Amino acid sequence: MLRFAIPSKGSLYDAALAFLDSSGLKVSRPNPRQYTARIKALPEVEVLLHRSADVVQKVVAGDVDMGITGLDLLSELAGDEPNVVIAIDDLGFGGVDLVLAVPEAWVDVQSWRDLADLAAEWAAEGRQLRIATKYPNLVRGFCYRQGINVFTLVDSQGATEAAPVLGYADLIADITETGTTFRENRLKIVAGTTILRSQACLIVGRRAMQQDPAKLATVKAMLELIEARRRARGFAQVIANVPGTDGSDVGRRIVAVPELAGLQGPTVAPVFDKAGKLSDTQVSPRWYSVSLVVQSDRTLAAVDHLRSLGSTGIVVLPLHYVFGDRADSFARLQEQLAQSVG
């Protein structure tokens, strides 16, 4: 049984469920009070709901085999932890930036250089910048790299943005998606202080993958579906009837515009009439059914190209999955698992 942890609440929970559902991995949670669920498509997977930070810690400890969490939490809590391997670093949701923000009243502080100068001035006076944050490791490393050497980190497990108003910190380091909450609390982002650009990521436990081939096979199945679904969003299938003397004639005319000719070329097949017969080319051209896959942003161009060839009955269909010759994310995972660590 593969133990798969996802966030238990908040925007990451909703986005994770929607993401898995769209990938063909719908999570079934009949009782919302329970913190376990299943994936019908993969009965060998047990879904466990945890706080996003706990997802990281559970994978580190080996209590779960796989998880969805934020890259910010992973970077803060796990760092170079050898048992954690990132299978997909960007799932396409949960995007936030970890930044430094100061009170709007600090008109002389616009950039990290201004902040470094202020820290030096305060140090000369025997004072230290107090930075409220939930990310001490990331913030400490950033400040040292930027020449902000004299400061105190204040642990903030509540509403970090309120720290300056409440008086227990001078500025904050926190995640933001739009900056709205900062502005509502009269804070401004300091230019050049983006510590980390974060988003939801998929992680696995190294030991579990190396020691249990069945679990690794299940992870492969999940990565195959996720990757194929994401790839499919960039393509559309176009089907049309095109007249021509023979299939080769139709094919040649379609591939005259290579970028509109499909992934590897069009599929061309004769169209039979309702009596089950091919049309007589001495009387009229034969019709051929053409199917091709094009990039979504070239759909209308493909339709116009087919129209120019005399096409009728053009149908455009969305694609659910587009599989390649391999799942690139799984190939990268295998490479990481093969590397020796610590």
Protein backbone atom coordinates (compact mmCIF):
# COMPACT_ATOMS: atom_id res chain seq x y z
CA MET A 1 0.00 0.00 0.00
CA LEU A 2 1.43 3.38 -1.05
CA ARG A 3 0.85 6.07 1.58
CA PHE A 4 0.15 9.38 -0.16
CA ALA A 5 -0.17 12.56 1.93
CA ILE A 6 -1.95 15.70 0.75
CA PRO A 7 -2.75 19.00 2.52
CA SER A 8 -5.77 18.64 4.81
CA LYS A 9 -7.30 22.09 4.40
CA GLY A 10 -7.10 25.48 2.78
CA SER A 11 -6.41 26.48 -0.79
CA LEU A 12 -3.75 23.80 -1.26
CA TYR A 13 -6.26 21.10 -0.27
CA ASP A 14 -8.86 22.29 -2.77
CA ALA A 15 -6.29 22.78 -5.52
CA ALA A 16 -4.69 19.38 -4.88
CA LEU A 17 -8.06 17.61 -5.13
CA ALA A 18 -8.89 19.44 -8.36
CA PHE A 19 -5.46 18.67 -9.80
CA LEU A 20 -5.66 14.96 -8.99
CA ASP A 21 -9.22 14.76 -10.31
CA SER A 22 -8.21 16.35 -13.62
CA SER A 23 -5.37 13.83 -13.90
CA GLY A 24 -7.71 10.85 -13.56
CA LEU A 25 -6.78 10.32 -9.91
CA LYS A 26 -9.99 11.43 -8.21
CA VAL A 27 -9.80 11.28 -4.42
CA SER A 28 -12.80 9.71 -2.69
CA ARG A 29 -13.40 10.97 0.85
CA PRO A 30 -16.93 9.86 1.86
CA ASN A 31 -16.60 11.16 5.41
CA PRO A 32 -15.14 14.71 5.61
CA ARG A 33 -14.34 14.13 9.28
CA GLN A 34 -11.96 11.33 8.45
CA TYR A 35 -8.36 12.05 7.54
CA THR A 36 -8.01 9.13 5.17
CA ALA A 37 -9.27 8.71 1.62
CA ARG A 38 -8.77 6.51 -1.44
CA ILE A 39 -8.15 6.85 -5.15
CA LYS A 40 -10.58 4.63 -7.04
CA ALA A 41 -8.32 4.36 -10.09
CA LEU A 42 -5.46 3.10 -7.89
CA PRO A 43 -6.82 1.01 -5.01
CA GLU A 44 -3.27 0.33 -3.84
CA VAL A 45 -2.98 3.99 -2.74
CA GLU A 46 -4.06 5.22 0.70
CA VAL A 47 -4.53 8.98 0.87
CA LEU A 48 -3.67 10.62 4.19
CA LEU A 49 -4.57 14.22 5.01
CA HIS A 50 -2.02 16.27 6.96
CA ARG A 51 -0.99 19.87 7.45
CA SER A 52 1.26 20.96 4.58
CA ALA A 53 4.26 21.23 6.90
CA ASP A 54 3.55 17.78 8.32
CA VAL A 55 3.54 16.30 4.81
CA VAL A 56 7.22 17.22 4.50
CA GLN A 57 8.10 15.87 7.92
CA LYS A 58 6.20 12.62 7.33
CA VAL A 59 8.10 11.97 4.09
CA VAL A 60 11.40 12.81 5.79
CA ALA A 61 10.64 10.33 8.58
CA GLY A 62 9.41 7.65 6.18
CA ASP A 63 5.91 7.63 7.68
CA VAL A 64 4.44 8.33 4.24
CA ASP A 65 5.82 7.43 0.84
CA MET A 66 4.67 10.35 -1.28
CA GLY A 67 3.16 13.78 -0.77
CA ILE A 68 1.98 17.10 -2.15
CA THR A 69 3.27 20.19 -0.34
CA GLY A 70 4.65 23.66 -1.00
CA LEU A 71 8.20 24.14 -2.22
CA ASP A 72 8.58 26.83 0.45
CA LEU A 73 7.88 24.36 3.26
CA LEU A 74 10.04 21.70 1.64
CA SER A 75 12.98 24.11 1.33
CA GLU A 76 12.57 25.35 4.90
CA LEU A 77 12.01 22.03 6.66
CA ALA A 78 13.90 19.50 4.58
CA GLY A 79 16.72 21.39 2.87
CA ASP A 80 19.13 18.74 1.61
CA GLU A 81 17.37 15.89 3.44
CA PRO A 82 18.53 12.78 1.53
CA ASN A 83 15.28 10.82 1.95
CA VAL A 84 13.21 13.43 0.09
CA VAL A 85 13.20 13.41 -3.71
CA ILE A 86 11.21 15.91 -5.77
CA ALA A 87 9.27 14.01 -8.43
CA ILE A 88 7.58 17.10 -9.94
CA ASP A 89 8.76 20.53 -8.82
CA ASP A 90 5.79 22.51 -10.16
CA LEU A 91 2.27 21.07 -10.19
CA GLY A 92 0.81 24.27 -11.59
CA PHE A 93 -0.93 25.59 -8.48
CA GLY A 94 -0.13 27.11 -5.10
CA GLY A 95 2.16 29.78 -6.51
CA VAL A 96 3.48 32.26 -3.92
CA ASP A 97 6.60 34.33 -3.28
CA LEU A 98 8.50 34.45 0.01
CA VAL A 99 9.51 38.10 0.44
CA LEU A 100 10.50 40.72 3.00
CA ALA A 101 7.95 43.44 3.77
CA VAL A 102 8.32 46.58 5.88
CA PRO A 103 5.84 49.17 7.15
CA GLU A 104 4.74 51.67 4.49
CA ALA A 105 5.94 54.42 6.84
CA TRP A 106 9.54 53.36 6.14
CA VAL A 107 9.79 55.69 3.15
CA ASP A 108 13.59 55.45 3.00
CA VAL A 109 13.56 51.66 2.62
CA GLN A 110 12.81 50.62 -0.96
CA SER A 111 15.39 47.92 -1.71
CA TRP A 112 17.41 45.28 0.10
CA ARG A 113 20.39 47.65 -0.04
CA ASP A 114 18.40 50.21 1.94
CA LEU A 115 17.51 47.49 4.41
CA ALA A 116 21.16 46.45 4.74
CA ASP A 117 22.13 50.08 5.39
CA LEU A 118 19.41 50.40 8.03
CA ALA A 119 20.56 47.20 9.73
CA ALA A 120 24.12 48.58 9.89
CA GLU A 121 22.90 51.92 11.31
CA TRP A 122 20.84 50.18 13.96
CA ALA A 123 23.73 47.87 14.84
CA ALA A 124 25.92 50.93 15.48
CA GLU A 125 23.25 52.09 17.91
CA GLY A 126 23.08 48.70 19.60
CA ARG A 127 19.79 47.72 17.97
CA GLN A 128 18.85 44.78 15.76
CA LEU A 129 16.24 44.41 13.05
CA ARG A 130 13.52 42.09 14.29
CA ILE A 131 12.11 39.94 11.48
CA ALA A 132 8.94 37.94 12.12
CA THR A 133 8.72 34.78 10.02
CA LYS A 134 7.75 31.14 9.80
CA TYR A 135 10.79 30.50 7.60
CA PRO A 136 13.88 31.09 9.76
CA ASN A 137 16.28 28.94 7.73
CA LEU A 138 15.43 30.50 4.38
CA VAL A 139 15.34 34.04 5.76
CA ARG A 140 18.62 33.70 7.65
CA GLY A 141 20.43 32.42 4.57
CA PHE A 142 18.99 35.18 2.37
CA CYS A 143 19.90 37.97 4.78
CA TYR A 144 23.49 36.79 5.11
CA ARG A 145 23.85 36.53 1.32
CA GLN A 146 22.53 40.08 0.91
CA GLY A 147 24.83 41.60 3.53
CA ILE A 148 22.14 42.01 6.19
CA ASN A 149 24.20 40.62 9.04
CA VAL A 150 22.71 42.03 12.24
CA PHE A 151 19.13 40.94 12.88
CA THR A 152 16.94 38.83 15.11
CA LEU A 153 14.42 36.29 13.82
CA VAL A 154 11.12 36.22 15.67
CA ASP A 155 9.11 33.01 15.40
CA SER A 156 5.64 33.71 14.05
CA GLN A 157 3.06 30.96 13.96
CA GLY A 158 0.08 33.30 13.83
CA ALA A 159 -0.76 36.19 11.51
CA THR A 160 2.75 37.24 10.58
CA GLU A 161 1.61 40.38 8.78
CA ALA A 162 0.32 41.81 12.09
CA ALA A 163 3.70 41.58 13.84
CA PRO A 164 4.89 45.17 13.18
CA VAL A 165 1.57 46.65 14.33
CA LEU A 166 1.58 44.49 17.45
CA GLY A 167 5.11 45.63 18.17
CA TYR A 168 6.98 42.34 18.44
CA ALA A 169 8.81 42.75 15.11
CA ASP A 170 10.00 45.56 12.85
CA LEU A 171 9.39 43.80 9.54
CA ILE A 172 8.25 40.43 8.26
CA ALA A 173 9.27 37.68 5.86
CA ASP A 174 6.24 35.81 4.60
CA ILE A 175 4.64 34.28 1.54
CA THR A 176 2.25 36.25 -0.65
CA GLU A 177 0.33 35.55 -3.82
CA THR A 178 -0.91 39.03 -4.75
CA GLY A 179 0.36 41.29 -1.97
CA THR A 180 -3.19 42.23 -0.96
CA THR A 181 -2.86 41.11 2.66
CA PHE A 182 0.37 43.09 2.98
CA ARG A 183 -1.29 46.25 1.68
CA GLU A 184 -4.27 45.77 3.98
CA ASN A 185 -1.82 45.76 6.89
CA ARG A 186 0.08 48.80 5.57
CA LEU A 187 3.13 46.81 4.55
CA LYS A 188 5.15 47.08 1.36
CA ILE A 189 7.39 44.52 -0.30
CA VAL A 190 11.07 45.46 -0.33
CA ALA A 191 12.40 45.38 -3.89
CA GLY A 192 14.88 42.61 -4.59
CA THR A 193 13.92 40.52 -1.57
CA THR A 194 12.22 37.60 -3.25
CA ILE A 195 13.72 34.81 -1.17
CA LEU A 196 11.94 31.99 -2.97
CA ARG A 197 9.33 31.50 -5.68
CA SER A 198 7.23 28.63 -4.47
CA GLN A 199 4.48 26.39 -5.79
CA ALA A 200 2.99 23.01 -5.02
CA CYS A 201 5.32 20.10 -5.68
CA LEU A 202 5.19 16.31 -5.55
CA ILE A 203 7.75 14.55 -3.37
CA VAL A 204 8.57 10.91 -2.64
CA GLY A 205 10.60 9.08 -0.03
CA ARG A 206 13.88 7.74 -1.37
CA ARG A 207 14.05 4.70 0.91
CA ALA A 208 10.49 3.61 0.16
CA MET A 209 11.08 3.83 -3.59
CA GLN A 210 14.38 1.96 -3.43
CA GLN A 211 13.15 -0.78 -1.14
CA ASP A 212 9.68 -1.49 -2.55
CA PRO A 213 9.35 -2.02 -6.34
CA ALA A 214 5.55 -2.19 -6.03
CA LYS A 215 5.41 1.32 -4.57
CA LEU A 216 7.74 2.61 -7.26
CA ALA A 217 5.48 1.05 -9.91
CA THR A 218 2.47 2.83 -8.40
CA VAL A 219 4.35 6.14 -8.43
CA LYS A 220 5.18 5.52 -12.10
CA ALA A 221 1.49 5.02 -12.89
CA MET A 222 0.61 8.28 -11.16
CA LEU A 223 3.37 10.22 -12.91
CA GLU A 224 2.32 8.77 -16.28
CA LEU A 225 -1.24 10.06 -15.82
CA ILE A 226 -0.21 13.43 -14.41
CA GLU A 227 2.33 14.10 -17.14
CA ALA A 228 0.06 12.93 -19.98
CA ARG A 229 -2.79 15.09 -18.71
CA ARG A 230 -0.60 18.17 -18.43
CA ARG A 231 0.81 17.58 -21.90
CA ALA A 232 -2.70 17.18 -23.34
CA ARG A 233 -3.69 20.68 -22.25
CA GLY A 234 -1.46 22.08 -24.96
CA PHE A 235 -3.05 20.14 -27.83
CA ALA A 236 -6.36 19.57 -29.63
CA GLN A 237 -7.54 16.88 -32.03
CA VAL A 238 -8.94 18.03 -35.37
CA ILE A 239 -11.02 15.63 -37.47
CA ALA A 240 -12.32 16.45 -40.94
CA ASN A 241 -13.37 14.95 -44.28
CA VAL A 242 -11.10 16.01 -47.14
CA PRO A 243 -11.64 15.27 -50.87
CA GLY A 244 -8.81 13.81 -52.94
CA THR A 245 -7.86 11.35 -55.65
CA ASP A 246 -6.24 9.02 -53.12
CA GLY A 247 -4.89 8.96 -49.58
CA SER A 248 -1.39 9.95 -50.64
CA ASP A 249 -2.74 12.98 -52.46
CA VAL A 250 -4.63 14.11 -49.34
CA GLY A 251 -1.63 13.47 -47.11
CA ARG A 252 0.74 15.45 -49.33
CA ARG A 253 -1.56 18.46 -49.39
CA ILE A 254 -1.98 18.45 -45.62
CA VAL A 255 1.75 18.19 -44.81
CA ALA A 256 2.45 21.07 -47.18
CA VAL A 257 2.08 23.14 -44.00
CA PRO A 258 4.19 21.03 -41.59
CA GLU A 259 3.27 22.88 -38.39
CA LEU A 260 -0.40 22.08 -39.06
CA ALA A 261 0.13 18.44 -40.00
CA GLY A 262 -0.07 16.81 -36.57
CA LEU A 263 2.50 15.49 -34.13
CA GLN A 264 4.04 13.02 -36.59
CA GLY A 265 1.74 13.59 -39.55
CA PRO A 266 -1.96 13.16 -40.31
CA THR A 267 -3.92 9.93 -40.15
CA VAL A 268 -5.80 9.53 -43.44
CA ALA A 269 -8.48 6.89 -44.08
CA PRO A 270 -11.08 6.46 -46.85
CA VAL A 271 -14.69 7.38 -46.12
CA PHE A 272 -17.32 4.83 -47.12
CA ASP A 273 -20.82 5.88 -48.11
CA LYS A 274 -23.86 4.60 -46.24
CA ALA A 275 -24.02 1.64 -48.59
CA GLY A 276 -20.52 0.64 -47.52
CA LYS A 277 -18.91 1.59 -50.83
CA LEU A 278 -16.12 3.93 -51.81
CA SER A 279 -17.10 6.78 -54.09
CA ASP A 280 -16.26 6.44 -57.80
CA THR A 281 -13.36 8.75 -58.60
CA GLN A 282 -14.50 8.90 -62.26
CA VAL A 283 -17.66 10.67 -61.13
CA SER A 284 -16.51 12.60 -58.07
CA PRO A 285 -13.45 12.79 -55.80
CA ARG A 286 -13.25 10.36 -52.96
CA TRP A 287 -13.55 11.59 -49.41
CA TYR A 288 -10.95 10.82 -46.81
CA SER A 289 -11.24 11.17 -43.06
CA VAL A 290 -8.30 13.08 -41.66
CA SER A 291 -7.31 13.14 -37.99
CA LEU A 292 -4.47 15.20 -36.63
CA VAL A 293 -3.28 16.61 -33.32
CA VAL A 294 -2.14 20.22 -33.26
CA GLN A 295 -1.05 22.71 -30.64
CA SER A 296 -4.09 24.36 -29.10
CA ASP A 297 -3.04 27.84 -30.20
CA ARG A 298 -2.86 26.61 -33.83
CA THR A 299 -6.35 25.10 -33.88
CA LEU A 300 -7.99 27.83 -35.97
CA ALA A 301 -5.04 27.87 -38.38
CA ALA A 302 -5.45 24.10 -38.84
CA VAL A 303 -9.17 24.53 -39.49
CA ASP A 304 -8.48 27.19 -42.14
CA HIS A 305 -5.84 24.95 -43.73
CA LEU A 306 -8.30 22.06 -43.99
CA ARG A 307 -10.97 24.38 -45.39
CA SER A 308 -8.57 25.46 -48.12
CA LEU A 309 -8.34 21.79 -49.14
CA GLY A 310 -12.13 21.54 -49.53
CA SER A 311 -12.75 20.03 -46.12
CA THR A 312 -16.21 19.72 -44.59
CA GLY A 313 -17.56 18.64 -41.21
CA ILE A 314 -14.54 19.81 -39.23
CA VAL A 315 -14.64 18.69 -35.59
CA VAL A 316 -12.29 19.84 -32.84
CA LEU A 317 -12.02 17.71 -29.71
CA PRO A 318 -10.19 18.29 -26.43
CA LEU A 319 -7.58 15.71 -25.47
CA HIS A 320 -7.55 14.11 -22.05
CA TYR A 321 -4.11 12.52 -22.25
CA VAL A 322 -1.11 12.69 -24.57
CA PHE A 323 1.46 10.02 -23.72
CA GLY A 324 5.01 10.25 -25.00
CA ASP A 325 7.45 7.41 -25.51
CA ARG A 326 8.17 7.64 -21.79
CA ALA A 327 7.20 9.65 -18.72
CA ASP A 328 10.01 12.18 -18.42
CA SER A 329 9.24 12.89 -14.76
CA PHE A 330 9.60 9.21 -13.90
CA ALA A 331 12.86 8.96 -15.86
CA ARG A 332 14.24 11.90 -13.86
CA LEU A 333 13.04 10.29 -10.64
CA GLN A 334 14.85 7.07 -11.50
CA GLU A 335 18.05 9.03 -12.12
CA GLN A 336 17.76 10.71 -8.72
CA LEU A 337 17.07 7.42 -6.97
CA ALA A 338 20.16 5.91 -8.58
CA GLN A 339 22.41 8.63 -7.20
CA SER A 340 24.35 7.90 -4.04
CA VAL A 341 23.65 10.25 -1.14
CA GLY A 342 25.39 11.29 2.03
